[in-house]
Structures are given as C-alpha cells and as structure tokens.
C-alpha cells in the first residue's frame, strides 16, 4: 500500500510555533537587546493565540524579556544554538496516513556559509525532551540538506520553490534538479513543483528562499514581491518572476490570484543593502504577523495582506533588528500543525 502523505499548508490549524532566541554568543551580540525585544514582540503575539516553543540559552533571561503576556502558553527548552533561524533548522511536519511526522533534515548554514553544528542538532534534541506529542515520529533524513524557508506548499500537493536555492550545489551536490524533484515528491507527497527561475533580494544569504519572494495565501492565491521602480537593481529579476507566476496554474487549471506586495523601502546597514521583504510574513491561528520596517510601505503591505487574509488579524512587528542579520519574521519561526507539540 502506498503511503498517503500530506504536506500541510501554513494556514492549517497549528499546535505551536517555534522560536530560537538570540543570545550573546551569536552574531546578535552587538545589539542583543534590540534583537531580543523583536523576538519578544513576536513571542507575545504568538502566545496570545497558540502555544509557543522557545529554544534558548537562558530561560530566565527570556522570561524577563517577554514579560507576563502569554507565559502560561510558552514551553521553554534550554538547548545550545549557533543562531536563531528556526525556519531553517526547525523540523518540517508532514502527515503520513493521518499521523503527524516531523522530518529532521540537515541544516548546513545555507550552503556552508555559516556554522550550524548546534542548530543542526536542535530538532533531534527536542525529540528527546518530551516536546512532541505521543505517536509523533521524528525521522532523521540525513544526509539530505533542506531548509523550511525554501519550501512553500498549498496543502494540496503543489510546492512552490526556487531553482537557485534548491538546486544549488552547496547543499546537495550529488543530486541534480530532476533527482531532487523525485525525492521531494516522494517525501512530501507532491503532485507537482512550480519552479521559479527568477527572483532574488540583495543581501540575501539563503540563495533566494521562496519565503522572501512569493507565498501561498490559500490554494488559489499567491502573494509576491513586486518591484515597480525600473531604476531598482531588482526590477528585471522580479518582473521576470512576476511573469512566471502569471503563467502558473492552480491544480484546477485556473490562473492564480496574484497579490502584489510592495518592494520595501531600501534599508542599508554598514554599507550593505538588506533583504527587507513583506513576503516574509507568518500565518498563525487567527492572525498573520507581518514584518514592518517603519517605512512608508508598511501600512500599504498590511492593507494588501488583509485582502488576502480577510478572516485574520494582520499584525505588524518592527523587524528592523532582524533584517540586520539578513532574515526577517518568517525566517525566525517554524509552525507545527495540530497534534505535533504537547
């Protein structure tokens, strides 16, 4: 009998979201207080609505930073970490024959750009700490390298991804695109993969993770970053990406409803343009958390996303500290569907 595998969409009901909190032995050290307050703001919004799993170096310090909001809804685990990007070192959940299962892939620091020896052990460490519900298998999928930020699912067997990231030789050098597609379909129960050949953001360390560029909002809707300024370095690539999205069809053969998000105002830090993007939002139970950069485009992005998520509250969070380390809100989080986290 063939296993029935479902890769749940982010908007499916969730049991919890994971954060891996910054600490002074990471690159966050020069502005640890600013970064921690950003993470604490994210934590408070999540804990109002669902359980929150926080991996940290010092539970008491994190409790103090978060305050009293939602503490009863937070599970803490003190585990060593190199960095904070739970989207990419966190477990990825599928449902196999109706049973939630957590995949633990290799995280190699986005193609061996950064140390990840501790981060790569977090999911298997959590598996031994009574965090996952009874009956949830955690499957070690070494040596396959895969990051959550590179995968976007509609929950109906369609994956949206970029060739630049998934087919990069610094991750799975012995697999060509066709071999990788075979493994992805087998592991995630996919019917098809919509490959984007275009799209990037300056300052991005991930080799064009899909969650910085284009996101499913429902089975028929894709929100994406649009660049309308022809003097911007992103203009040609993002226009080409837009054309690809227009050519894609839903599983029912219809064009997708495309929701264009504005290009965030340019942010430069220490002489480098940073990959600020409104596509890096997080869908949680009852709400969508959106990265704000305290610029003119923030409110525009919020209103646009409200049209894509009419039944959810749209909550903006100042993510300027996060973007200094080349990531944003979605990158810092990993959701777990119902039945996964105690």
C-alpha atoms as a PDB file:
ATOM      1  CA  UNK A   1       0.000   0.000   0.000  1.00  0.00           C
ATOM      2  CA  UNK A   2       1.301   3.450  -0.918  1.00  0.00           C
ATOM      3  CA  UNK A   3       1.566   5.904   1.965  1.00  0.00           C
ATOM      4  CA  UNK A   4      -0.752   8.906   1.837  1.00  0.00           C
ATOM      5  CA  UNK A   5       1.477  11.899   2.577  1.00  0.00           C
ATOM      6  CA  UNK A   6       0.202  15.452   3.030  1.00  0.00           C
ATOM      7  CA  UNK A   7       2.464  18.486   3.403  1.00  0.00           C
ATOM      8  CA  UNK A   8       0.184  20.846   5.381  1.00  0.00           C
ATOM      9  CA  UNK A   9      -0.207  24.451   4.314  1.00  0.00           C
ATOM     10  CA  UNK A  10       0.790  27.094   6.836  1.00  0.00           C
ATOM     11  CA  UNK A  11      -2.824  28.224   7.288  1.00  0.00           C
ATOM     12  CA  UNK A  12      -3.863  24.809   8.627  1.00  0.00           C
ATOM     13  CA  UNK A  13      -4.666  24.807  12.386  1.00  0.00           C
ATOM     14  CA  UNK A  14      -1.455  24.832  14.410  1.00  0.00           C
ATOM     15  CA  UNK A  15      -0.400  23.296  17.713  1.00  0.00           C
ATOM     16  CA  UNK A  16       2.543  25.667  18.223  1.00  0.00           C
ATOM     17  CA  UNK A  17       5.237  27.877  16.712  1.00  0.00           C
ATOM     18  CA  UNK A  18       8.953  27.547  17.487  1.00  0.00           C
ATOM     19  CA  UNK A  19      11.356  30.422  18.146  1.00  0.00           C
ATOM     20  CA  UNK A  20      15.095  30.039  18.784  1.00  0.00           C
ATOM     21  CA  UNK A  21      16.004  33.053  20.884  1.00  0.00           C
ATOM     22  CA  UNK A  22      19.138  35.183  20.305  1.00  0.00           C
ATOM     23  CA  UNK A  23      21.929  35.155  22.864  1.00  0.00           C
ATOM     24  CA  UNK A  24      25.285  36.844  23.380  1.00  0.00           C
ATOM     25  CA  UNK A  25      27.333  34.049  21.824  1.00  0.00           C
ATOM     26  CA  UNK A  26      25.790  34.713  18.411  1.00  0.00           C
ATOM     27  CA  UNK A  27      26.201  37.430  15.794  1.00  0.00           C
ATOM     28  CA  UNK A  28      23.390  39.274  17.589  1.00  0.00           C
ATOM     29  CA  UNK A  29      25.749  40.246  20.421  1.00  0.00           C
ATOM     30  CA  UNK A  30      26.387  43.884  19.331  1.00  0.00           C
ATOM     31  CA  UNK A  31      22.655  44.671  19.555  1.00  0.00           C
ATOM     32  CA  UNK A  32      21.342  41.835  21.665  1.00  0.00           C
ATOM     33  CA  UNK A  33      18.754  43.986  23.460  1.00  0.00           C
ATOM     34  CA  UNK A  34      17.186  45.266  20.234  1.00  0.00           C
ATOM     35  CA  UNK A  35      17.126  41.787  18.722  1.00  0.00           C
ATOM     36  CA  UNK A  36      15.697  40.251  21.887  1.00  0.00           C
ATOM     37  CA  UNK A  37      12.912  42.825  22.042  1.00  0.00           C
ATOM     38  CA  UNK A  38      11.960  41.995  18.460  1.00  0.00           C
ATOM     39  CA  UNK A  39      11.838  38.292  19.293  1.00  0.00           C
ATOM     40  CA  UNK A  40       9.891  39.071  22.467  1.00  0.00           C
ATOM     41  CA  UNK A  41       7.324  41.051  20.443  1.00  0.00           C
ATOM     42  CA  UNK A  42       6.885  38.092  18.097  1.00  0.00           C
ATOM     43  CA  UNK A  43       6.633  35.752  21.085  1.00  0.00           C
ATOM     44  CA  UNK A  44       3.911  37.817  22.753  1.00  0.00           C
ATOM     45  CA  UNK A  45       1.742  37.897  19.634  1.00  0.00           C
ATOM     46  CA  UNK A  46       2.050  34.148  19.088  1.00  0.00           C
ATOM     47  CA  UNK A  47       1.461  33.235  22.746  1.00  0.00           C
ATOM     48  CA  UNK A  48      -1.789  35.224  22.757  1.00  0.00           C
ATOM     49  CA  UNK A  49      -3.179  32.831  20.160  1.00  0.00           C
ATOM     50  CA  UNK A  50      -1.435  29.464  20.470  1.00  0.00           C
ATOM     51  CA  UNK A  51       1.353  27.550  22.165  1.00  0.00           C
ATOM     52  CA  UNK A  52       4.904  28.779  21.684  1.00  0.00           C
ATOM     53  CA  UNK A  53       8.043  26.629  21.897  1.00  0.00           C
ATOM     54  CA  UNK A  54      11.137  28.676  22.734  1.00  0.00           C
ATOM     55  CA  UNK A  55      14.613  27.210  22.355  1.00  0.00           C
ATOM     56  CA  UNK A  56      17.035  29.389  24.303  1.00  0.00           C
ATOM     57  CA  UNK A  57      20.320  29.623  26.172  1.00  0.00           C
ATOM     58  CA  UNK A  58      18.828  31.098  29.362  1.00  0.00           C
ATOM     59  CA  UNK A  59      15.146  30.587  30.175  1.00  0.00           C
ATOM     60  CA  UNK A  60      15.044  33.138  32.990  1.00  0.00           C
ATOM     61  CA  UNK A  61      16.505  35.867  30.780  1.00  0.00           C
ATOM     62  CA  UNK A  62      13.951  35.175  28.048  1.00  0.00           C
ATOM     63  CA  UNK A  63      11.072  35.133  30.543  1.00  0.00           C
ATOM     64  CA  UNK A  64      12.163  38.541  31.797  1.00  0.00           C
ATOM     65  CA  UNK A  65      12.324  39.964  28.294  1.00  0.00           C
ATOM     66  CA  UNK A  66       8.883  38.666  27.299  1.00  0.00           C
ATOM     67  CA  UNK A  67       7.095  39.768  30.462  1.00  0.00           C
ATOM     68  CA  UNK A  68       3.801  38.331  31.674  1.00  0.00           C
ATOM     69  CA  UNK A  69       1.953  38.158  28.332  1.00  0.00           C
ATOM     70  CA  UNK A  70       1.146  34.575  27.399  1.00  0.00           C
ATOM     71  CA  UNK A  71       3.788  32.949  29.615  1.00  0.00           C
ATOM     72  CA  UNK A  72       1.398  30.138  30.516  1.00  0.00           C
ATOM     73  CA  UNK A  73       1.282  29.273  26.802  1.00  0.00           C
ATOM     74  CA  UNK A  74       5.069  29.014  26.378  1.00  0.00           C
ATOM     75  CA  UNK A  75       7.237  25.893  26.561  1.00  0.00           C
ATOM     76  CA  UNK A  76      10.938  26.619  27.170  1.00  0.00           C
ATOM     77  CA  UNK A  77      13.853  24.357  26.347  1.00  0.00           C
ATOM     78  CA  UNK A  78      17.482  25.323  27.005  1.00  0.00           C
ATOM     79  CA  UNK A  79      19.457  23.937  24.059  1.00  0.00           C
ATOM     80  CA  UNK A  80      22.718  25.230  22.505  1.00  0.00           C
ATOM     81  CA  UNK A  81      22.336  27.145  19.227  1.00  0.00           C
ATOM     82  CA  UNK A  82      24.559  28.891  16.694  1.00  0.00           C
ATOM     83  CA  UNK A  83      21.876  31.288  15.547  1.00  0.00           C
ATOM     84  CA  UNK A  84      18.137  31.947  15.582  1.00  0.00           C
ATOM     85  CA  UNK A  85      16.609  30.948  12.243  1.00  0.00           C
ATOM     86  CA  UNK A  86      14.107  28.278  13.301  1.00  0.00           C
ATOM     87  CA  UNK A  87      12.531  28.235   9.837  1.00  0.00           C
ATOM     88  CA  UNK A  88      15.650  26.570   8.518  1.00  0.00           C
ATOM     89  CA  UNK A  89      16.890  24.424  11.411  1.00  0.00           C
ATOM     90  CA  UNK A  90      13.429  23.515  12.731  1.00  0.00           C
ATOM     91  CA  UNK A  91      11.614  20.272  11.991  1.00  0.00           C
ATOM     92  CA  UNK A  92       9.334  20.150   8.939  1.00  0.00           C
ATOM     93  CA  UNK A  93       5.987  18.447   9.505  1.00  0.00           C
ATOM     94  CA  UNK A  94       4.123  16.148   7.143  1.00  0.00           C
ATOM     95  CA  UNK A  95       1.112  13.920   7.795  1.00  0.00           C
ATOM     96  CA  UNK A  96       1.634  10.268   6.781  1.00  0.00           C
ATOM     97  CA  UNK A  97      -1.521   8.149   6.683  1.00  0.00           C
ATOM     98  CA  UNK A  98      -3.184  10.616   9.040  1.00  0.00           C
ATOM     99  CA  UNK A  99      -0.276  10.658  11.515  1.00  0.00           C
ATOM    100  CA  UNK A 100       1.848  13.808  12.056  1.00  0.00           C
ATOM    101  CA  UNK A 101       5.528  13.151  11.383  1.00  0.00           C
ATOM    102  CA  UNK A 102       8.446  15.554  11.798  1.00  0.00           C
ATOM    103  CA  UNK A 103      11.289  15.423   9.289  1.00  0.00           C
ATOM    104  CA  UNK A 104      14.746  16.367  10.548  1.00  0.00           C
ATOM    105  CA  UNK A 105      16.882  17.329   7.551  1.00  0.00           C
ATOM    106  CA  UNK A 106      20.474  18.513   7.601  1.00  0.00           C
ATOM    107  CA  UNK A 107      20.906  22.259   8.071  1.00  0.00           C
ATOM    108  CA  UNK A 108      24.334  23.273   6.795  1.00  0.00           C
ATOM    109  CA  UNK A 109      24.238  27.036   7.308  1.00  0.00           C
ATOM    110  CA  UNK A 110      22.710  27.852   3.891  1.00  0.00           C
ATOM    111  CA  UNK A 111      25.291  26.025   1.894  1.00  0.00           C
ATOM    112  CA  UNK A 112      28.142  26.068   4.451  1.00  0.00           C
ATOM    113  CA  UNK A 113      28.204  29.864   4.681  1.00  0.00           C
ATOM    114  CA  UNK A 114      27.919  29.855   8.488  1.00  0.00           C
ATOM    115  CA  UNK A 115      28.487  27.464  11.394  1.00  0.00           C
ATOM    116  CA  UNK A 116      25.449  25.289  12.117  1.00  0.00           C
ATOM    117  CA  UNK A 117      26.760  22.423  14.262  1.00  0.00           C
ATOM    118  CA  UNK A 118      24.475  23.247  17.219  1.00  0.00           C
ATOM    119  CA  UNK A 119      21.480  24.338  15.143  1.00  0.00           C
ATOM    120  CA  UNK A 120      21.588  21.077  13.223  1.00  0.00           C
ATOM    121  CA  UNK A 121      21.042  19.143  16.483  1.00  0.00           C
ATOM    122  CA  UNK A 122      18.068  21.106  17.846  1.00  0.00           C
ATOM    123  CA  UNK A 123      15.216  19.037  16.406  1.00  0.00           C
ATOM    124  CA  UNK A 124      16.639  15.677  17.475  1.00  0.00           C
ATOM    125  CA  UNK A 125      17.385  17.136  20.924  1.00  0.00           C
ATOM    126  CA  UNK A 126      13.773  18.299  21.241  1.00  0.00           C
ATOM    127  CA  UNK A 127      12.669  14.795  20.279  1.00  0.00           C
ATOM    128  CA  UNK A 128      14.325  13.505  23.433  1.00  0.00           C
ATOM    129  CA  UNK A 129      12.839  16.170  25.699  1.00  0.00           C
ATOM    130  CA  UNK A 130       9.146  15.253  25.744  1.00  0.00           C
ATOM    131  CA  UNK A 131       8.141  18.142  23.467  1.00  0.00           C
ATOM    132  CA  UNK A 132       6.383  16.232  20.691  1.00  0.00           C
ATOM    133  CA  UNK A 133       3.046  14.503  21.252  1.00  0.00           C
ATOM    134  CA  UNK A 134       2.876  10.753  21.801  1.00  0.00           C
ATOM    135  CA  UNK A 135       2.970   8.919  18.492  1.00  0.00           C
ATOM    136  CA  UNK A 136       4.731  11.706  16.565  1.00  0.00           C
ATOM    137  CA  UNK A 137       7.733  10.212  14.807  1.00  0.00           C
ATOM    138  CA  UNK A 138      10.823  12.374  14.268  1.00  0.00           C
ATOM    139  CA  UNK A 139      12.623  10.979  11.234  1.00  0.00           C
ATOM    140  CA  UNK A 140      16.309  11.703  10.669  1.00  0.00           C
ATOM    141  CA  UNK A 141      16.734  12.411   6.961  1.00  0.00           C
ATOM    142  CA  UNK A 142      20.479  12.892   6.819  1.00  0.00           C
ATOM    143  CA  UNK A 143      22.329  13.432   4.559  1.00  0.00           C
ATOM    144  CA  UNK A 144      19.669  15.410   2.640  1.00  0.00           C
ATOM    145  CA  UNK A 145      20.071  19.168   3.149  1.00  0.00           C
ATOM    146  CA  UNK A 146      16.805  21.103   3.208  1.00  0.00           C
ATOM    147  CA  UNK A 147      15.530  24.298   4.825  1.00  0.00           C
ATOM    148  CA  UNK A 148      11.951  25.242   5.629  1.00  0.00           C
ATOM    149  CA  UNK A 149      12.318  28.673   4.064  1.00  0.00           C
ATOM    150  CA  UNK A 150      12.923  27.050   0.681  1.00  0.00           C
ATOM    151  CA  UNK A 151       9.526  25.282   0.609  1.00  0.00           C
ATOM    152  CA  UNK A 152       6.065  26.769   0.070  1.00  0.00           C
ATOM    153  CA  UNK A 153       3.086  24.383  -0.018  1.00  0.00           C
ATOM    154  CA  UNK A 154      -0.604  24.788  -0.849  1.00  0.00           C
ATOM    155  CA  UNK A 155      -1.525  21.673   1.150  1.00  0.00           C
ATOM    156  CA  UNK A 156      -2.885  20.002  -1.995  1.00  0.00           C
ATOM    157  CA  UNK A 157       0.273  18.535  -3.441  1.00  0.00           C
ATOM    158  CA  UNK A 158       1.790  21.655  -5.002  1.00  0.00           C
ATOM    159  CA  UNK A 159       5.188  23.019  -3.952  1.00  0.00           C
ATOM    160  CA  UNK A 160       6.440  26.469  -4.922  1.00  0.00           C
ATOM    161  CA  UNK A 161      10.237  26.800  -4.858  1.00  0.00           C
ATOM    162  CA  UNK A 162      13.214  28.499  -6.490  1.00  0.00           C
ATOM    163  CA  UNK A 163      15.755  26.711  -8.642  1.00  0.00           C
ATOM    164  CA  UNK A 164      18.503  29.000  -7.316  1.00  0.00           C
ATOM    165  CA  UNK A 165      18.144  27.636  -3.785  1.00  0.00           C
ATOM    166  CA  UNK A 166      17.029  24.031  -4.029  1.00  0.00           C
ATOM    167  CA  UNK A 167      19.272  23.087  -6.922  1.00  0.00           C
ATOM    168  CA  UNK A 168      22.369  24.802  -5.517  1.00  0.00           C
ATOM    169  CA  UNK A 169      25.466  22.577  -5.421  1.00  0.00           C
ATOM    170  CA  UNK A 170      26.452  23.851  -1.959  1.00  0.00           C
ATOM    171  CA  UNK A 171      23.557  21.903  -0.441  1.00  0.00           C
ATOM    172  CA  UNK A 172      23.023  18.592  -2.233  1.00  0.00           C
ATOM    173  CA  UNK A 173      25.948  18.467  -4.646  1.00  0.00           C
ATOM    174  CA  UNK A 174      25.299  14.882  -5.780  1.00  0.00           C
ATOM    175  CA  UNK A 175      21.674  15.486  -6.768  1.00  0.00           C
ATOM    176  CA  UNK A 176      20.671  17.235  -9.968  1.00  0.00           C
ATOM    177  CA  UNK A 177      17.363  19.084 -10.205  1.00  0.00           C
ATOM    178  CA  UNK A 178      15.460  16.069 -11.531  1.00  0.00           C
ATOM    179  CA  UNK A 179      16.763  13.777  -8.775  1.00  0.00           C
ATOM    180  CA  UNK A 180      15.957  16.363  -6.117  1.00  0.00           C
ATOM    181  CA  UNK A 181      12.439  16.769  -7.519  1.00  0.00           C
ATOM    182  CA  UNK A 182      11.949  12.991  -7.276  1.00  0.00           C
ATOM    183  CA  UNK A 183      12.982  12.965  -3.596  1.00  0.00           C
ATOM    184  CA  UNK A 184      10.815  15.969  -2.756  1.00  0.00           C
ATOM    185  CA  UNK A 185       7.761  14.383  -4.364  1.00  0.00           C
ATOM    186  CA  UNK A 186       8.336  11.116  -2.536  1.00  0.00           C
ATOM    187  CA  UNK A 187       8.954  12.691   0.876  1.00  0.00           C
ATOM    188  CA  UNK A 188       6.206  15.310   0.753  1.00  0.00           C
ATOM    189  CA  UNK A 189       3.523  13.527  -1.269  1.00  0.00           C
ATOM    190  CA  UNK A 190       3.727  16.140  -4.015  1.00  0.00           C
ATOM    191  CA  UNK A 191       1.953  16.040  -7.349  1.00  0.00           C
ATOM    192  CA  UNK A 192       3.981  18.862  -8.854  1.00  0.00           C
ATOM    193  CA  UNK A 193       6.601  21.530  -8.202  1.00  0.00           C
ATOM    194  CA  UNK A 194       6.257  25.054  -9.550  1.00  0.00           C
ATOM    195  CA  UNK A 195       9.862  26.145 -10.114  1.00  0.00           C
ATOM    196  CA  UNK A 196      10.759  29.833 -10.188  1.00  0.00           C
ATOM    197  CA  UNK A 197      13.862  30.542 -12.225  1.00  0.00           C
ATOM    198  CA  UNK A 198      13.936  34.239 -11.365  1.00  0.00           C
ATOM    199  CA  UNK A 199      13.802  36.411  -8.276  1.00  0.00           C
ATOM    200  CA  UNK A 200      16.321  37.496  -5.656  1.00  0.00           C
ATOM    201  CA  UNK A 201      16.865  40.110  -2.952  1.00  0.00           C
ATOM    202  CA  UNK A 202      20.125  41.957  -2.375  1.00  0.00           C
ATOM    203  CA  UNK A 203      21.827  40.877   0.848  1.00  0.00           C
ATOM    204  CA  UNK A 204      20.051  37.511   0.989  1.00  0.00           C
ATOM    205  CA  UNK A 205      22.258  34.711   2.372  1.00  0.00           C
ATOM    206  CA  UNK A 206      19.817  31.917   1.502  1.00  0.00           C
ATOM    207  CA  UNK A 207      20.240  31.797  -2.285  1.00  0.00           C
ATOM    208  CA  UNK A 208      16.688  33.057  -2.857  1.00  0.00           C
ATOM    209  CA  UNK A 209      14.490  31.285  -0.350  1.00  0.00           C
ATOM    210  CA  UNK A 210      10.932  31.253  -1.629  1.00  0.00           C
ATOM    211  CA  UNK A 211       9.616  32.760   1.621  1.00  0.00           C
ATOM    212  CA  UNK A 212      11.343  36.039   0.785  1.00  0.00           C
ATOM    213  CA  UNK A 213       9.729  36.260  -2.653  1.00  0.00           C
ATOM    214  CA  UNK A 214       6.356  34.534  -3.112  1.00  0.00           C
ATOM    215  CA  UNK A 215       3.915  32.863  -0.709  1.00  0.00           C
ATOM    216  CA  UNK A 216       0.708  30.868  -0.894  1.00  0.00           C
ATOM    217  CA  UNK A 217      -2.131  32.600   0.965  1.00  0.00           C
ATOM    218  CA  UNK A 218      -4.646  29.904   0.074  1.00  0.00           C
ATOM    219  CA  UNK A 219      -4.896  27.230  -2.604  1.00  0.00           C
ATOM    220  CA  UNK A 220      -5.648  29.805  -5.301  1.00  0.00           C
ATOM    221  CA  UNK A 221      -3.759  32.906  -4.116  1.00  0.00           C
ATOM    222  CA  UNK A 222      -0.069  33.819  -4.199  1.00  0.00           C
ATOM    223  CA  UNK A 223       1.330  36.985  -2.627  1.00  0.00           C
ATOM    224  CA  UNK A 224       4.624  38.101  -4.125  1.00  0.00           C
ATOM    225  CA  UNK A 225       7.126  40.954  -4.087  1.00  0.00           C
ATOM    226  CA  UNK A 226       6.626  43.382  -6.961  1.00  0.00           C
ATOM    227  CA  UNK A 227       9.233  45.943  -7.986  1.00  0.00           C
ATOM    228  CA  UNK A 228       7.778  48.853  -9.977  1.00  0.00           C
ATOM    229  CA  UNK A 229      10.872  51.073  -9.952  1.00  0.00           C
ATOM    230  CA  UNK A 230      12.877  50.392 -13.108  1.00  0.00           C
ATOM    231  CA  UNK A 231      15.944  52.025 -11.547  1.00  0.00           C
ATOM    232  CA  UNK A 232      15.998  49.453  -8.726  1.00  0.00           C
ATOM    233  CA  UNK A 233      18.535  46.631  -9.079  1.00  0.00           C
ATOM    234  CA  UNK A 234      15.740  44.093  -8.507  1.00  0.00           C
ATOM    235  CA  UNK A 235      13.482  45.337 -11.294  1.00  0.00           C
ATOM    236  CA  UNK A 236      14.372  42.925 -14.103  1.00  0.00           C
ATOM    237  CA  UNK A 237      14.546  39.803 -11.914  1.00  0.00           C
ATOM    238  CA  UNK A 238      11.296  40.494 -10.084  1.00  0.00           C
ATOM    239  CA  UNK A 239       9.460  41.376 -13.290  1.00  0.00           C
ATOM    240  CA  UNK A 240      10.639  38.069 -14.764  1.00  0.00           C
ATOM    241  CA  UNK A 241       9.461  36.290 -11.608  1.00  0.00           C
ATOM    242  CA  UNK A 242       6.084  38.012 -11.917  1.00  0.00           C
ATOM    243  CA  UNK A 243       5.750  36.740 -15.484  1.00  0.00           C
ATOM    244  CA  UNK A 244       6.481  33.196 -14.288  1.00  0.00           C
ATOM    245  CA  UNK A 245       3.822  33.469 -11.583  1.00  0.00           C
ATOM    246  CA  UNK A 246       1.291  34.686 -14.143  1.00  0.00           C
ATOM    247  CA  UNK A 247       1.956  31.591 -16.239  1.00  0.00           C
ATOM    248  CA  UNK A 248       1.408  29.146 -13.364  1.00  0.00           C
ATOM    249  CA  UNK A 249      -1.951  27.405 -12.948  1.00  0.00           C
ATOM    250  CA  UNK A 250      -3.742  26.026  -9.907  1.00  0.00           C
ATOM    251  CA  UNK A 251      -4.416  22.299  -9.549  1.00  0.00           C
ATOM    252  CA  UNK A 252      -7.807  23.064 -11.117  1.00  0.00           C
ATOM    253  CA  UNK A 253      -6.188  24.627 -14.178  1.00  0.00           C
ATOM    254  CA  UNK A 254      -7.031  28.254 -13.389  1.00  0.00           C
ATOM    255  CA  UNK A 255      -4.636  31.211 -13.167  1.00  0.00           C
ATOM    256  CA  UNK A 256      -3.624  32.074  -9.633  1.00  0.00           C
ATOM    257  CA  UNK A 257      -4.998  35.159  -7.972  1.00  0.00           C
ATOM    258  CA  UNK A 258      -1.798  37.174  -7.619  1.00  0.00           C
ATOM    259  CA  UNK A 259      -1.477  39.681  -4.787  1.00  0.00           C
ATOM    260  CA  UNK A 260       1.367  42.130  -5.377  1.00  0.00           C
ATOM    261  CA  UNK A 261       3.236  43.281  -2.281  1.00  0.00           C
ATOM    262  CA  UNK A 262       5.291  46.474  -2.473  1.00  0.00           C
ATOM    263  CA  UNK A 263       9.056  46.391  -2.520  1.00  0.00           C
ATOM    264  CA  UNK A 264      10.094  47.516   0.951  1.00  0.00           C
ATOM    265  CA  UNK A 265      11.894  50.834   1.205  1.00  0.00           C
ATOM    266  CA  UNK A 266      15.635  50.398   0.818  1.00  0.00           C
ATOM    267  CA  UNK A 267      17.442  49.661   4.094  1.00  0.00           C
ATOM    268  CA  UNK A 268      21.224  49.923   4.241  1.00  0.00           C
ATOM    269  CA  UNK A 269      23.273  48.705   7.202  1.00  0.00           C
ATOM    270  CA  UNK A 270      27.045  49.107   7.399  1.00  0.00           C
ATOM    271  CA  UNK A 271      27.129  49.955   3.694  1.00  0.00           C
ATOM    272  CA  UNK A 272      25.116  46.929   2.551  1.00  0.00           C
ATOM    273  CA  UNK A 273      21.551  46.786   1.255  1.00  0.00           C
ATOM    274  CA  UNK A 274      19.488  44.412   3.360  1.00  0.00           C
ATOM    275  CA  UNK A 275      16.846  41.938   2.084  1.00  0.00           C
ATOM    276  CA  UNK A 276      13.769  43.628   3.561  1.00  0.00           C
ATOM    277  CA  UNK A 277      10.599  41.940   2.283  1.00  0.00           C
ATOM    278  CA  UNK A 278       6.922  41.892   3.214  1.00  0.00           C
ATOM    279  CA  UNK A 279       6.590  38.375   1.810  1.00  0.00           C
ATOM    280  CA  UNK A 280       8.274  37.064   4.960  1.00  0.00           C
ATOM    281  CA  UNK A 281       5.003  37.006   6.932  1.00  0.00           C
ATOM    282  CA  UNK A 282       3.903  34.225   9.310  1.00  0.00           C
ATOM    283  CA  UNK A 283       0.399  32.738   9.297  1.00  0.00           C
ATOM    284  CA  UNK A 284      -0.745  31.637  12.763  1.00  0.00           C
ATOM    285  CA  UNK A 285      -4.086  30.713  14.302  1.00  0.00           C
ATOM    286  CA  UNK A 286      -6.370  33.704  13.726  1.00  0.00           C
ATOM    287  CA  UNK A 287      -3.694  36.137  12.552  1.00  0.00           C
ATOM    288  CA  UNK A 288      -0.895  36.962  10.141  1.00  0.00           C
ATOM    289  CA  UNK A 289       2.261  38.516  11.588  1.00  0.00           C
ATOM    290  CA  UNK A 290       3.906  40.838   9.071  1.00  0.00           C
ATOM    291  CA  UNK A 291       7.403  42.301   9.232  1.00  0.00           C
ATOM    292  CA  UNK A 292       7.376  46.092   9.350  1.00  0.00           C
ATOM    293  CA  UNK A 293      10.426  48.209   8.612  1.00  0.00           C
ATOM    294  CA  UNK A 294       8.988  51.533   9.829  1.00  0.00           C
ATOM    295  CA  UNK A 295       8.725  52.965   6.362  1.00  0.00           C
ATOM    296  CA  UNK A 296       6.062  54.330   4.035  1.00  0.00           C
ATOM    297  CA  UNK A 297       5.229  50.903   2.607  1.00  0.00           C
ATOM    298  CA  UNK A 298       4.312  49.213   5.919  1.00  0.00           C
ATOM    299  CA  UNK A 299       0.664  50.226   6.015  1.00  0.00           C
ATOM    300  CA  UNK A 300       0.273  49.537   2.305  1.00  0.00           C
ATOM    301  CA  UNK A 301       1.551  45.998   2.819  1.00  0.00           C
ATOM    302  CA  UNK A 302      -0.771  45.476   5.781  1.00  0.00           C
ATOM    303  CA  UNK A 303      -3.841  46.553   3.791  1.00  0.00           C
ATOM    304  CA  UNK A 304      -2.890  44.381   0.823  1.00  0.00           C
ATOM    305  CA  UNK A 305      -2.404  41.325   3.014  1.00  0.00           C
ATOM    306  CA  UNK A 306      -5.755  41.966   4.663  1.00  0.00           C
ATOM    307  CA  UNK A 307      -7.377  41.408   1.266  1.00  0.00           C
ATOM    308  CA  UNK A 308      -5.569  38.055   1.017  1.00  0.00           C
ATOM    309  CA  UNK A 309      -6.490  37.050   4.586  1.00  0.00           C
ATOM    310  CA  UNK A 310      -9.897  38.692   5.202  1.00  0.00           C
ATOM    311  CA  UNK A 311     -10.683  36.492   8.224  1.00  0.00           C
ATOM    312  CA  UNK A 312      -7.397  37.005  10.064  1.00  0.00           C
ATOM    313  CA  UNK A 313      -5.983  39.903  12.030  1.00  0.00           C
ATOM    314  CA  UNK A 314      -2.947  41.450  10.325  1.00  0.00           C
ATOM    315  CA  UNK A 315      -0.339  42.389  12.948  1.00  0.00           C
ATOM    316  CA  UNK A 316       2.781  44.358  12.074  1.00  0.00           C
ATOM    317  CA  UNK A 317       6.010  43.848  14.041  1.00  0.00           C
ATOM    318  CA  UNK A 318       9.088  46.060  13.754  1.00  0.00           C
ATOM    319  CA  UNK A 319      11.679  43.694  12.271  1.00  0.00           C
ATOM    320  CA  UNK A 320      14.481  46.167  11.614  1.00  0.00           C
ATOM    321  CA  UNK A 321      16.775  44.396  14.123  1.00  0.00           C
ATOM    322  CA  UNK A 322      16.158  41.046  12.385  1.00  0.00           C
ATOM    323  CA  UNK A 323      16.963  42.333   8.938  1.00  0.00           C
ATOM    324  CA  UNK A 324      20.458  43.328  10.096  1.00  0.00           C
ATOM    325  CA  UNK A 325      21.260  39.619  10.098  1.00  0.00           C
ATOM    326  CA  UNK A 326      19.680  39.189   6.650  1.00  0.00           C
ATOM    327  CA  UNK A 327      16.459  37.495   7.759  1.00  0.00           C
ATOM    328  CA  UNK A 328      13.016  38.513   8.899  1.00  0.00           C
ATOM    329  CA  UNK A 329       9.901  37.307  10.708  1.00  0.00           C
ATOM    330  CA  UNK A 330       9.068  34.093   8.870  1.00  0.00           C
ATOM    331  CA  UNK A 331      12.741  33.100   8.861  1.00  0.00           C
ATOM    332  CA  UNK A 332      12.782  33.267  12.678  1.00  0.00           C
ATOM    333  CA  UNK A 333       9.789  30.963  13.191  1.00  0.00           C
ATOM    334  CA  UNK A 334       8.595  27.440  12.442  1.00  0.00           C
ATOM    335  CA  UNK A 335       4.973  26.372  12.808  1.00  0.00           C
ATOM    336  CA  UNK A 336       3.818  22.893  13.799  1.00  0.00           C
ATOM    337  CA  UNK A 337       0.341  21.694  12.772  1.00  0.00           C
ATOM    338  CA  UNK A 338      -2.232  20.325  15.189  1.00  0.00           C
ATOM    339  CA  UNK A 339      -1.214  17.195  17.040  1.00  0.00           C
ATOM    340  CA  UNK A 340       2.554  17.773  16.974  1.00  0.00           C
ATOM    341  CA  UNK A 341       3.552  19.783  20.078  1.00  0.00           C
ATOM    342  CA  UNK A 342       2.263  18.899  23.556  1.00  0.00           C
END
